[in-house]
Amino acid sequence: MTNRKDLEALVKQYAAAKEAHDLDATVAMYAEDGTYQSIGFGPVVKGHAELRKFFGALFTAVPDYHGEFVGASYGGDSAVVWGSWGGTLAGDFLGLGTKVGNKLDIPAAFVCTFRDGLLVKEVGYFDTAEFCAQAGIKLSVARPGLGSNFAQVYKEFWQAPDRSLTKSAITDDILANWPGPDGIGKGSVFYQKQIDRVIASMPDIKLEVIDYLAEGELTFLEFRAYGTVGGKPVEFFGIDRFKVSEDSRVYDSKVCFDPTVMQRALWLSELSSLEKSE
């Protein structure tokens, strides 16, 4: 057990190293097997090599990184500090697509556990959604879930619909809920019929994913669909909700959009054909 005075000194030393953007001193505060983790944001960073890469990326992306801590608590070999951290984004952070010039001011708390005067574990707690909003990125980028792989398949399929992709993306006993009559059913054959029905009405349909969130087994996708129905341009928006298994296949699907947009276009197309034949 480390006494409070020593813990306070270690925390101040560590904070000073980060405040000075001293990469060598920051990494040296960790034991060889030390770890850092931000809850809800990326994997555990373990060992000096990974820690150097992580903090190097942080100091490069946020060259004016600073922390302002307003309180601390000590006990055993651990210290908890809370306040905020921030700075100005000068580049992309960890390949997330963070926006240059955006300013960060993130409320946070950190739990630091020491052994023999070195950090063996640090866990950061902050609102991931708030970080994403300030960094100018989508939450789904920072917190991918089981449905992230499926979301990519979804994008590829609706840019160039290919029936062969459907089978590999859904389970044989998928539950399906689509708009319109007879849109609720079960099984891959039923699901494929719903897709075929849409493509038959709108052969050149393409979907653009506006945003998506994959959290655990749930994936929500917001989309814009566009194409032509009977030669007339059509555009509509919707939201799909999927439940995704561990092998990234969908076993439960709910598709939400207004089908009257296509129905009206079909009606106008048929009306136009009748007028031309008269």
C-alpha atoms as a PDB file:
ATOM      1  CA  MET A   1       0.000   0.000   0.000  1.00  0.00           C
ATOM      2  CA  THR A   2       1.322   3.430  -1.008  1.00  0.00           C
ATOM      3  CA  ASN A   3       0.884   6.287   1.447  1.00  0.00           C
ATOM      4  CA  ARG A   4      -1.134   9.302   0.429  1.00  0.00           C
ATOM      5  CA  LYS A   5       1.800  11.683   0.233  1.00  0.00           C
ATOM      6  CA  ASP A   6       3.607   9.419  -2.241  1.00  0.00           C
ATOM      7  CA  LEU A   7       0.428   8.906  -4.277  1.00  0.00           C
ATOM      8  CA  GLU A   8      -0.089  12.656  -4.540  1.00  0.00           C
ATOM      9  CA  ALA A   9       3.492  13.106  -5.708  1.00  0.00           C
ATOM     10  CA  LEU A  10       3.155  10.357  -8.353  1.00  0.00           C
ATOM     11  CA  VAL A  11      -0.082  11.807  -9.702  1.00  0.00           C
ATOM     12  CA  LYS A  12       1.445  15.285  -9.948  1.00  0.00           C
ATOM     13  CA  GLN A  13       4.535  13.884 -11.680  1.00  0.00           C
ATOM     14  CA  TYR A  14       2.394  12.020 -14.203  1.00  0.00           C
ATOM     15  CA  ALA A  15       0.150  15.037 -14.829  1.00  0.00           C
ATOM     16  CA  ALA A  16       3.197  17.273 -15.312  1.00  0.00           C
ATOM     17  CA  ALA A  17       4.676  14.880 -17.904  1.00  0.00           C
ATOM     18  CA  LYS A  18       1.454  14.905 -19.925  1.00  0.00           C
ATOM     19  CA  GLU A  19       1.032  18.671 -19.555  1.00  0.00           C
ATOM     20  CA  ALA A  20       4.557  19.130 -20.941  1.00  0.00           C
ATOM     21  CA  HIS A  21       3.797  16.687 -23.785  1.00  0.00           C
ATOM     22  CA  ASP A  22       6.921  14.794 -22.726  1.00  0.00           C
ATOM     23  CA  LEU A  23       6.343  11.428 -24.394  1.00  0.00           C
ATOM     24  CA  ASP A  24       9.356   9.716 -22.806  1.00  0.00           C
ATOM     25  CA  ALA A  25       8.447  10.874 -19.302  1.00  0.00           C
ATOM     26  CA  THR A  26       4.773   9.957 -19.770  1.00  0.00           C
ATOM     27  CA  VAL A  27       5.529   6.397 -20.888  1.00  0.00           C
ATOM     28  CA  ALA A  28       8.197   6.037 -18.181  1.00  0.00           C
ATOM     29  CA  MET A  29       5.485   6.540 -15.544  1.00  0.00           C
ATOM     30  CA  TYR A  30       4.011   3.160 -16.551  1.00  0.00           C
ATOM     31  CA  ALA A  31       5.178  -0.303 -15.565  1.00  0.00           C
ATOM     32  CA  GLU A  32       6.219  -2.555 -18.470  1.00  0.00           C
ATOM     33  CA  ASP A  33       2.816  -4.270 -18.288  1.00  0.00           C
ATOM     34  CA  GLY A  34       0.924  -1.040 -17.569  1.00  0.00           C
ATOM     35  CA  THR A  35      -2.380  -0.363 -19.320  1.00  0.00           C
ATOM     36  CA  TYR A  36      -4.508   2.620 -20.296  1.00  0.00           C
ATOM     37  CA  GLN A  37      -8.179   2.424 -21.226  1.00  0.00           C
ATOM     38  CA  SER A  38     -10.873   4.956 -22.056  1.00  0.00           C
ATOM     39  CA  ILE A  39     -14.243   3.423 -21.223  1.00  0.00           C
ATOM     40  CA  GLY A  40     -16.419   3.285 -24.311  1.00  0.00           C
ATOM     41  CA  PHE A  41     -13.622   4.448 -26.554  1.00  0.00           C
ATOM     42  CA  GLY A  42     -11.219   2.051 -28.176  1.00  0.00           C
ATOM     43  CA  PRO A  43      -9.366  -1.037 -26.930  1.00  0.00           C
ATOM     44  CA  VAL A  44      -7.071  -1.352 -23.919  1.00  0.00           C
ATOM     45  CA  VAL A  45      -3.602   0.083 -24.612  1.00  0.00           C
ATOM     46  CA  LYS A  46      -0.999  -2.217 -23.060  1.00  0.00           C
ATOM     47  CA  GLY A  47       2.771  -2.072 -22.697  1.00  0.00           C
ATOM     48  CA  HIS A  48       5.306   0.651 -23.436  1.00  0.00           C
ATOM     49  CA  ALA A  49       5.190   0.276 -27.233  1.00  0.00           C
ATOM     50  CA  GLU A  50       1.399   0.690 -27.447  1.00  0.00           C
ATOM     51  CA  LEU A  51       1.396   3.439 -24.818  1.00  0.00           C
ATOM     52  CA  ARG A  52       4.055   5.378 -26.747  1.00  0.00           C
ATOM     53  CA  LYS A  53       2.000   5.095 -29.926  1.00  0.00           C
ATOM     54  CA  PHE A  54      -1.218   6.181 -28.174  1.00  0.00           C
ATOM     55  CA  PHE A  55       0.163   9.180 -26.285  1.00  0.00           C
ATOM     56  CA  GLY A  56       2.284  10.162 -29.285  1.00  0.00           C
ATOM     57  CA  ALA A  57      -0.866  10.268 -31.386  1.00  0.00           C
ATOM     58  CA  LEU A  58      -2.634  12.302 -28.693  1.00  0.00           C
ATOM     59  CA  PHE A  59       0.136  14.907 -28.376  1.00  0.00           C
ATOM     60  CA  THR A  60       0.419  15.195 -32.171  1.00  0.00           C
ATOM     61  CA  ALA A  61      -3.321  15.531 -32.772  1.00  0.00           C
ATOM     62  CA  VAL A  62      -3.792  17.903 -29.804  1.00  0.00           C
ATOM     63  CA  PRO A  63      -0.476  19.815 -29.530  1.00  0.00           C
ATOM     64  CA  ASP A  64      -1.875  22.154 -26.881  1.00  0.00           C
ATOM     65  CA  TYR A  65      -3.296  19.275 -24.814  1.00  0.00           C
ATOM     66  CA  HIS A  66      -3.912  20.263 -21.213  1.00  0.00           C
ATOM     67  CA  GLY A  67      -5.770  19.000 -18.178  1.00  0.00           C
ATOM     68  CA  GLU A  68      -7.559  20.935 -15.459  1.00  0.00           C
ATOM     69  CA  PHE A  69      -8.416  18.793 -12.467  1.00  0.00           C
ATOM     70  CA  VAL A  70     -10.599  20.138  -9.692  1.00  0.00           C
ATOM     71  CA  GLY A  71     -10.566  17.241  -7.238  1.00  0.00           C
ATOM     72  CA  ALA A  72      -8.808  14.061  -6.195  1.00  0.00           C
ATOM     73  CA  SER A  73      -9.297  11.120  -3.847  1.00  0.00           C
ATOM     74  CA  TYR A  74      -6.713   8.609  -2.649  1.00  0.00           C
ATOM     75  CA  GLY A  75      -6.904   5.136  -1.166  1.00  0.00           C
ATOM     76  CA  GLY A  76      -4.695   2.072  -1.096  1.00  0.00           C
ATOM     77  CA  ASP A  77      -2.571   2.139  -4.255  1.00  0.00           C
ATOM     78  CA  SER A  78      -5.093   4.093  -6.316  1.00  0.00           C
ATOM     79  CA  ALA A  79      -5.953   7.717  -6.984  1.00  0.00           C
ATOM     80  CA  VAL A  80      -9.053   9.177  -8.623  1.00  0.00           C
ATOM     81  CA  VAL A  81      -8.834  12.633 -10.190  1.00  0.00           C
ATOM     82  CA  TRP A  82     -11.605  14.536 -11.944  1.00  0.00           C
ATOM     83  CA  GLY A  83     -12.015  17.716 -13.946  1.00  0.00           C
ATOM     84  CA  SER A  84     -11.527  18.090 -17.705  1.00  0.00           C
ATOM     85  CA  TRP A  85      -9.024  17.775 -20.524  1.00  0.00           C
ATOM     86  CA  GLY A  86      -8.894  19.516 -23.859  1.00  0.00           C
ATOM     87  CA  GLY A  87      -7.058  21.423 -26.529  1.00  0.00           C
ATOM     88  CA  THR A  88      -7.330  22.207 -30.240  1.00  0.00           C
ATOM     89  CA  LEU A  89      -7.302  19.442 -32.845  1.00  0.00           C
ATOM     90  CA  ALA A  90      -4.423  19.939 -35.257  1.00  0.00           C
ATOM     91  CA  GLY A  91      -4.857  16.591 -37.030  1.00  0.00           C
ATOM     92  CA  ASP A  92      -6.642  13.284 -37.115  1.00  0.00           C
ATOM     93  CA  PHE A  93      -6.593  11.310 -33.861  1.00  0.00           C
ATOM     94  CA  LEU A  94      -6.177   7.527 -34.135  1.00  0.00           C
ATOM     95  CA  GLY A  95      -7.663   7.449 -37.627  1.00  0.00           C
ATOM     96  CA  LEU A  96     -11.091   8.547 -36.400  1.00  0.00           C
ATOM     97  CA  GLY A  97     -11.428  11.442 -38.825  1.00  0.00           C
ATOM     98  CA  THR A  98     -11.419  14.157 -36.148  1.00  0.00           C
ATOM     99  CA  LYS A  99     -11.814  17.661 -37.588  1.00  0.00           C
ATOM    100  CA  VAL A 100      -8.826  19.974 -37.636  1.00  0.00           C
ATOM    101  CA  GLY A 101      -9.463  23.200 -35.754  1.00  0.00           C
ATOM    102  CA  ASN A 102     -12.185  21.825 -33.480  1.00  0.00           C
ATOM    103  CA  LYS A 103     -11.705  22.628 -29.818  1.00  0.00           C
ATOM    104  CA  LEU A 104     -12.073  20.010 -27.086  1.00  0.00           C
ATOM    105  CA  ASP A 105     -13.157  20.575 -23.508  1.00  0.00           C
ATOM    106  CA  ILE A 106     -14.111  17.147 -22.141  1.00  0.00           C
ATOM    107  CA  PRO A 107     -15.284  16.579 -18.543  1.00  0.00           C
ATOM    108  CA  ALA A 108     -13.483  13.474 -17.302  1.00  0.00           C
ATOM    109  CA  ALA A 109     -12.390  11.332 -14.375  1.00  0.00           C
ATOM    110  CA  PHE A 110      -9.306   9.097 -14.254  1.00  0.00           C
ATOM    111  CA  VAL A 111      -8.591   6.166 -11.942  1.00  0.00           C
ATOM    112  CA  CYS A 112      -4.862   5.500 -11.581  1.00  0.00           C
ATOM    113  CA  THR A 113      -3.496   2.392  -9.863  1.00  0.00           C
ATOM    114  CA  PHE A 114       0.190   2.216  -8.963  1.00  0.00           C
ATOM    115  CA  ARG A 115       2.649  -0.550  -8.070  1.00  0.00           C
ATOM    116  CA  ASP A 116       6.153   0.172  -6.853  1.00  0.00           C
ATOM    117  CA  GLY A 117       5.833   3.789  -7.910  1.00  0.00           C
ATOM    118  CA  LEU A 118       4.676   3.023 -11.457  1.00  0.00           C
ATOM    119  CA  LEU A 119       1.274   3.044 -13.123  1.00  0.00           C
ATOM    120  CA  VAL A 120      -0.086  -0.443 -13.708  1.00  0.00           C
ATOM    121  CA  LYS A 121      -3.552   0.658 -14.761  1.00  0.00           C
ATOM    122  CA  GLU A 122      -5.243   3.891 -15.754  1.00  0.00           C
ATOM    123  CA  VAL A 123      -8.906   4.071 -16.721  1.00  0.00           C
ATOM    124  CA  GLY A 124     -10.415   7.238 -18.160  1.00  0.00           C
ATOM    125  CA  TYR A 125     -14.125   7.969 -17.907  1.00  0.00           C
ATOM    126  CA  PHE A 126     -15.718  10.588 -20.148  1.00  0.00           C
ATOM    127  CA  ASP A 127     -18.771  10.984 -22.339  1.00  0.00           C
ATOM    128  CA  THR A 128     -17.859   9.438 -25.696  1.00  0.00           C
ATOM    129  CA  ALA A 129     -20.803  11.127 -27.407  1.00  0.00           C
ATOM    130  CA  GLU A 130     -19.602  14.518 -26.169  1.00  0.00           C
ATOM    131  CA  PHE A 131     -16.096  13.830 -27.444  1.00  0.00           C
ATOM    132  CA  CYS A 132     -17.468  12.851 -30.865  1.00  0.00           C
ATOM    133  CA  ALA A 133     -19.645  15.957 -31.050  1.00  0.00           C
ATOM    134  CA  GLN A 134     -16.730  18.245 -30.202  1.00  0.00           C
ATOM    135  CA  ALA A 135     -14.301  16.363 -32.469  1.00  0.00           C
ATOM    136  CA  GLY A 136     -16.734  16.511 -35.401  1.00  0.00           C
ATOM    137  CA  ILE A 137     -17.097  12.764 -35.876  1.00  0.00           C
ATOM    138  CA  LYS A 138     -19.983  10.305 -35.684  1.00  0.00           C
ATOM    139  CA  LEU A 139     -20.495   8.256 -32.545  1.00  0.00           C
ATOM    140  CA  SER A 140     -20.568   5.081 -34.626  1.00  0.00           C
ATOM    141  CA  VAL A 141     -16.935   5.698 -35.629  1.00  0.00           C
ATOM    142  CA  ALA A 142     -15.715   5.724 -32.031  1.00  0.00           C
ATOM    143  CA  ARG A 143     -17.998   2.979 -30.736  1.00  0.00           C
ATOM    144  CA  PRO A 144     -18.403   0.280 -33.364  1.00  0.00           C
ATOM    145  CA  GLY A 145     -20.473  -2.742 -32.340  1.00  0.00           C
ATOM    146  CA  LEU A 146     -21.294  -6.152 -33.785  1.00  0.00           C
ATOM    147  CA  GLY A 147     -23.204  -4.500 -36.600  1.00  0.00           C
ATOM    148  CA  SER A 148     -20.271  -2.466 -37.912  1.00  0.00           C
ATOM    149  CA  ASN A 149     -19.245  -5.182 -40.372  1.00  0.00           C
ATOM    150  CA  PHE A 150     -22.854  -5.577 -41.490  1.00  0.00           C
ATOM    151  CA  ALA A 151     -23.175  -1.819 -41.979  1.00  0.00           C
ATOM    152  CA  GLN A 152     -20.391  -1.992 -44.548  1.00  0.00           C
ATOM    153  CA  VAL A 153     -22.101  -4.899 -46.351  1.00  0.00           C
ATOM    154  CA  TYR A 154     -25.344  -2.886 -46.307  1.00  0.00           C
ATOM    155  CA  LYS A 155     -23.619   0.095 -47.965  1.00  0.00           C
ATOM    156  CA  GLU A 156     -22.032  -2.057 -50.648  1.00  0.00           C
ATOM    157  CA  PHE A 157     -25.239  -3.955 -51.409  1.00  0.00           C
ATOM    158  CA  TRP A 158     -27.456  -0.921 -51.926  1.00  0.00           C
ATOM    159  CA  GLN A 159     -24.939   0.818 -54.174  1.00  0.00           C
ATOM    160  CA  ALA A 160     -25.106  -2.157 -56.559  1.00  0.00           C
ATOM    161  CA  PRO A 161     -27.789  -4.652 -55.392  1.00  0.00           C
ATOM    162  CA  ASP A 162     -26.533  -8.209 -55.743  1.00  0.00           C
ATOM    163  CA  ARG A 163     -28.801 -11.061 -54.612  1.00  0.00           C
ATOM    164  CA  SER A 164     -25.789 -13.243 -53.802  1.00  0.00           C
ATOM    165  CA  LEU A 165     -24.764 -10.852 -51.020  1.00  0.00           C
ATOM    166  CA  THR A 166     -28.110 -11.134 -49.243  1.00  0.00           C
ATOM    167  CA  LYS A 167     -27.769 -14.793 -48.302  1.00  0.00           C
ATOM    168  CA  SER A 168     -24.425 -14.299 -46.582  1.00  0.00           C
ATOM    169  CA  ALA A 169     -25.643 -11.257 -44.643  1.00  0.00           C
ATOM    170  CA  ILE A 170     -28.771 -12.757 -43.015  1.00  0.00           C
ATOM    171  CA  THR A 171     -29.677 -15.890 -41.073  1.00  0.00           C
ATOM    172  CA  ASP A 172     -31.981 -18.546 -42.533  1.00  0.00           C
ATOM    173  CA  ASP A 173     -34.631 -17.852 -39.876  1.00  0.00           C
ATOM    174  CA  ILE A 174     -34.458 -14.047 -39.959  1.00  0.00           C
ATOM    175  CA  LEU A 175     -37.475 -12.157 -38.622  1.00  0.00           C
ATOM    176  CA  ALA A 176     -38.505  -9.432 -41.053  1.00  0.00           C
ATOM    177  CA  ASN A 177     -40.783  -6.425 -40.707  1.00  0.00           C
ATOM    178  CA  TRP A 178     -41.170  -4.302 -43.835  1.00  0.00           C
ATOM    179  CA  PRO A 179     -43.642  -1.489 -44.629  1.00  0.00           C
ATOM    180  CA  GLY A 180     -46.786  -2.241 -46.581  1.00  0.00           C
ATOM    181  CA  PRO A 181     -49.136  -5.232 -46.782  1.00  0.00           C
ATOM    182  CA  ASP A 182     -47.666  -8.695 -46.218  1.00  0.00           C
ATOM    183  CA  GLY A 183     -44.446  -7.136 -44.997  1.00  0.00           C
ATOM    184  CA  ILE A 184     -44.105  -9.187 -41.822  1.00  0.00           C
ATOM    185  CA  GLY A 185     -42.671 -12.676 -42.051  1.00  0.00           C
ATOM    186  CA  LYS A 186     -39.811 -15.039 -41.297  1.00  0.00           C
ATOM    187  CA  GLY A 187     -36.976 -16.658 -43.197  1.00  0.00           C
ATOM    188  CA  SER A 188     -34.368 -15.698 -45.779  1.00  0.00           C
ATOM    189  CA  VAL A 189     -36.674 -16.476 -48.716  1.00  0.00           C
ATOM    190  CA  PHE A 190     -39.330 -14.100 -47.387  1.00  0.00           C
ATOM    191  CA  TYR A 191     -36.721 -11.415 -46.723  1.00  0.00           C
ATOM    192  CA  GLN A 192     -35.334 -11.715 -50.241  1.00  0.00           C
ATOM    193  CA  LYS A 193     -38.854 -11.335 -51.690  1.00  0.00           C
ATOM    194  CA  GLN A 194     -39.173  -7.974 -49.918  1.00  0.00           C
ATOM    195  CA  ILE A 195     -35.923  -6.770 -51.450  1.00  0.00           C
ATOM    196  CA  ASP A 196     -36.986  -8.053 -54.858  1.00  0.00           C
ATOM    197  CA  ARG A 197     -40.285  -6.179 -54.480  1.00  0.00           C
ATOM    198  CA  VAL A 198     -38.439  -2.888 -53.894  1.00  0.00           C
ATOM    199  CA  ILE A 199     -36.004  -3.449 -56.767  1.00  0.00           C
ATOM    200  CA  ALA A 200     -38.834  -4.427 -59.144  1.00  0.00           C
ATOM    201  CA  SER A 201     -40.536  -1.081 -58.423  1.00  0.00           C
ATOM    202  CA  MET A 202     -37.301   0.904 -58.545  1.00  0.00           C
ATOM    203  CA  PRO A 203     -34.722  -1.024 -60.641  1.00  0.00           C
ATOM    204  CA  ASP A 204     -31.968   1.594 -60.339  1.00  0.00           C
ATOM    205  CA  ILE A 205     -32.387   2.143 -56.600  1.00  0.00           C
ATOM    206  CA  LYS A 206     -29.358   3.184 -54.570  1.00  0.00           C
ATOM    207  CA  LEU A 207     -29.120   3.839 -50.850  1.00  0.00           C
ATOM    208  CA  GLU A 208     -26.811   6.306 -49.179  1.00  0.00           C
ATOM    209  CA  VAL A 209     -26.112   5.664 -45.471  1.00  0.00           C
ATOM    210  CA  ILE A 210     -26.438   9.016 -43.704  1.00  0.00           C
ATOM    211  CA  ASP A 211     -25.399   7.669 -40.304  1.00  0.00           C
ATOM    212  CA  TYR A 212     -25.399   4.481 -38.305  1.00  0.00           C
ATOM    213  CA  LEU A 213     -24.917   3.336 -34.730  1.00  0.00           C
ATOM    214  CA  ALA A 214     -23.829  -0.170 -33.777  1.00  0.00           C
ATOM    215  CA  GLU A 215     -24.266  -0.838 -30.070  1.00  0.00           C
ATOM    216  CA  GLY A 216     -23.981  -4.450 -28.963  1.00  0.00           C
ATOM    217  CA  GLU A 217     -26.241  -6.569 -31.164  1.00  0.00           C
ATOM    218  CA  LEU A 218     -28.319  -3.575 -32.268  1.00  0.00           C
ATOM    219  CA  THR A 219     -27.556  -1.552 -35.378  1.00  0.00           C
ATOM    220  CA  PHE A 220     -29.554   1.467 -36.551  1.00  0.00           C
ATOM    221  CA  LEU A 221     -28.971   2.882 -40.046  1.00  0.00           C
ATOM    222  CA  GLU A 222     -30.394   6.149 -41.343  1.00  0.00           C
ATOM    223  CA  PHE A 223     -30.573   6.139 -45.131  1.00  0.00           C
ATOM    224  CA  ARG A 224     -31.488   8.150 -48.202  1.00  0.00           C
ATOM    225  CA  ALA A 225     -32.855   6.141 -51.140  1.00  0.00           C
ATOM    226  CA  TYR A 226     -33.007   7.484 -54.674  1.00  0.00           C
ATOM    227  CA  GLY A 227     -33.647   6.267 -58.209  1.00  0.00           C
ATOM    228  CA  THR A 228     -36.497   6.243 -60.696  1.00  0.00           C
ATOM    229  CA  VAL A 229     -39.949   4.673 -60.778  1.00  0.00           C
ATOM    230  CA  GLY A 230     -41.442   4.483 -64.259  1.00  0.00           C
ATOM    231  CA  GLY A 231     -38.878   7.002 -65.437  1.00  0.00           C
ATOM    232  CA  LYS A 232     -39.772   9.497 -62.706  1.00  0.00           C
ATOM    233  CA  PRO A 233     -37.119  10.489 -60.106  1.00  0.00           C
ATOM    234  CA  VAL A 234     -37.927   9.365 -56.576  1.00  0.00           C
ATOM    235  CA  GLU A 235     -36.244  10.080 -53.260  1.00  0.00           C
ATOM    236  CA  PHE A 236     -37.173   8.990 -49.754  1.00  0.00           C
ATOM    237  CA  PHE A 237     -35.586   8.590 -46.338  1.00  0.00           C
ATOM    238  CA  GLY A 238     -35.853   5.881 -43.718  1.00  0.00           C
ATOM    239  CA  ILE A 239     -34.346   4.045 -40.767  1.00  0.00           C
ATOM    240  CA  ASP A 240     -33.476   0.357 -40.576  1.00  0.00           C
ATOM    241  CA  ARG A 241     -33.092  -1.447 -37.252  1.00  0.00           C
ATOM    242  CA  PHE A 242     -31.155  -4.711 -37.233  1.00  0.00           C
ATOM    243  CA  LYS A 243     -30.179  -7.264 -34.612  1.00  0.00           C
ATOM    244  CA  VAL A 244     -26.858  -8.785 -35.549  1.00  0.00           C
ATOM    245  CA  SER A 245     -25.384 -12.092 -34.392  1.00  0.00           C
ATOM    246  CA  GLU A 246     -21.731 -12.592 -33.424  1.00  0.00           C
ATOM    247  CA  ASP A 247     -20.920 -13.704 -36.976  1.00  0.00           C
ATOM    248  CA  SER A 248     -22.211 -10.303 -38.232  1.00  0.00           C
ATOM    249  CA  ARG A 249     -25.378 -11.744 -39.807  1.00  0.00           C
ATOM    250  CA  VAL A 250     -28.809 -10.195 -39.257  1.00  0.00           C
ATOM    251  CA  TYR A 251     -31.412 -12.319 -37.466  1.00  0.00           C
ATOM    252  CA  ASP A 252     -34.049  -9.632 -36.838  1.00  0.00           C
ATOM    253  CA  SER A 253     -34.859  -6.726 -39.138  1.00  0.00           C
ATOM    254  CA  LYS A 254     -37.265  -3.793 -39.048  1.00  0.00           C
ATOM    255  CA  VAL A 255     -37.338  -1.516 -42.086  1.00  0.00           C
ATOM    256  CA  CYS A 256     -39.025   1.873 -41.723  1.00  0.00           C
ATOM    257  CA  PHE A 257     -39.839   4.183 -44.648  1.00  0.00           C
ATOM    258  CA  ASP A 258     -42.933   5.685 -46.268  1.00  0.00           C
ATOM    259  CA  PRO A 259     -43.940   3.300 -49.122  1.00  0.00           C
ATOM    260  CA  THR A 260     -46.489   5.781 -50.477  1.00  0.00           C
ATOM    261  CA  VAL A 261     -43.630   7.706 -52.123  1.00  0.00           C
ATOM    262  CA  MET A 262     -42.989   4.814 -54.516  1.00  0.00           C
ATOM    263  CA  GLN A 263     -46.697   3.974 -54.782  1.00  0.00           C
ATOM    264  CA  ARG A 264     -47.514   7.527 -55.893  1.00  0.00           C
ATOM    265  CA  ALA A 265     -44.682   7.463 -58.438  1.00  0.00           C
ATOM    266  CA  LEU A 266     -46.014   4.151 -59.797  1.00  0.00           C
ATOM    267  CA  TRP A 267     -49.514   5.595 -60.033  1.00  0.00           C
ATOM    268  CA  LEU A 268     -48.264   8.692 -61.870  1.00  0.00           C
ATOM    269  CA  SER A 269     -46.228   6.495 -64.193  1.00  0.00           C
ATOM    270  CA  GLU A 270     -49.237   4.307 -64.987  1.00  0.00           C
ATOM    271  CA  LEU A 271     -51.439   7.393 -65.463  1.00  0.00           C
ATOM    272  CA  SER A 272     -48.889   8.874 -67.850  1.00  0.00           C
ATOM    273  CA  SER A 273     -48.799   5.642 -69.856  1.00  0.00           C
ATOM    274  CA  LEU A 274     -52.609   5.618 -70.141  1.00  0.00           C
ATOM    275  CA  GLU A 275     -52.662   9.231 -71.325  1.00  0.00           C
ATOM    276  CA  LYS A 276     -50.078   8.493 -74.005  1.00  0.00           C
ATOM    277  CA  SER A 277     -52.067   5.486 -75.274  1.00  0.00           C
ATOM    278  CA  GLU A 278     -55.244   7.525 -75.711  1.00  0.00           C
END
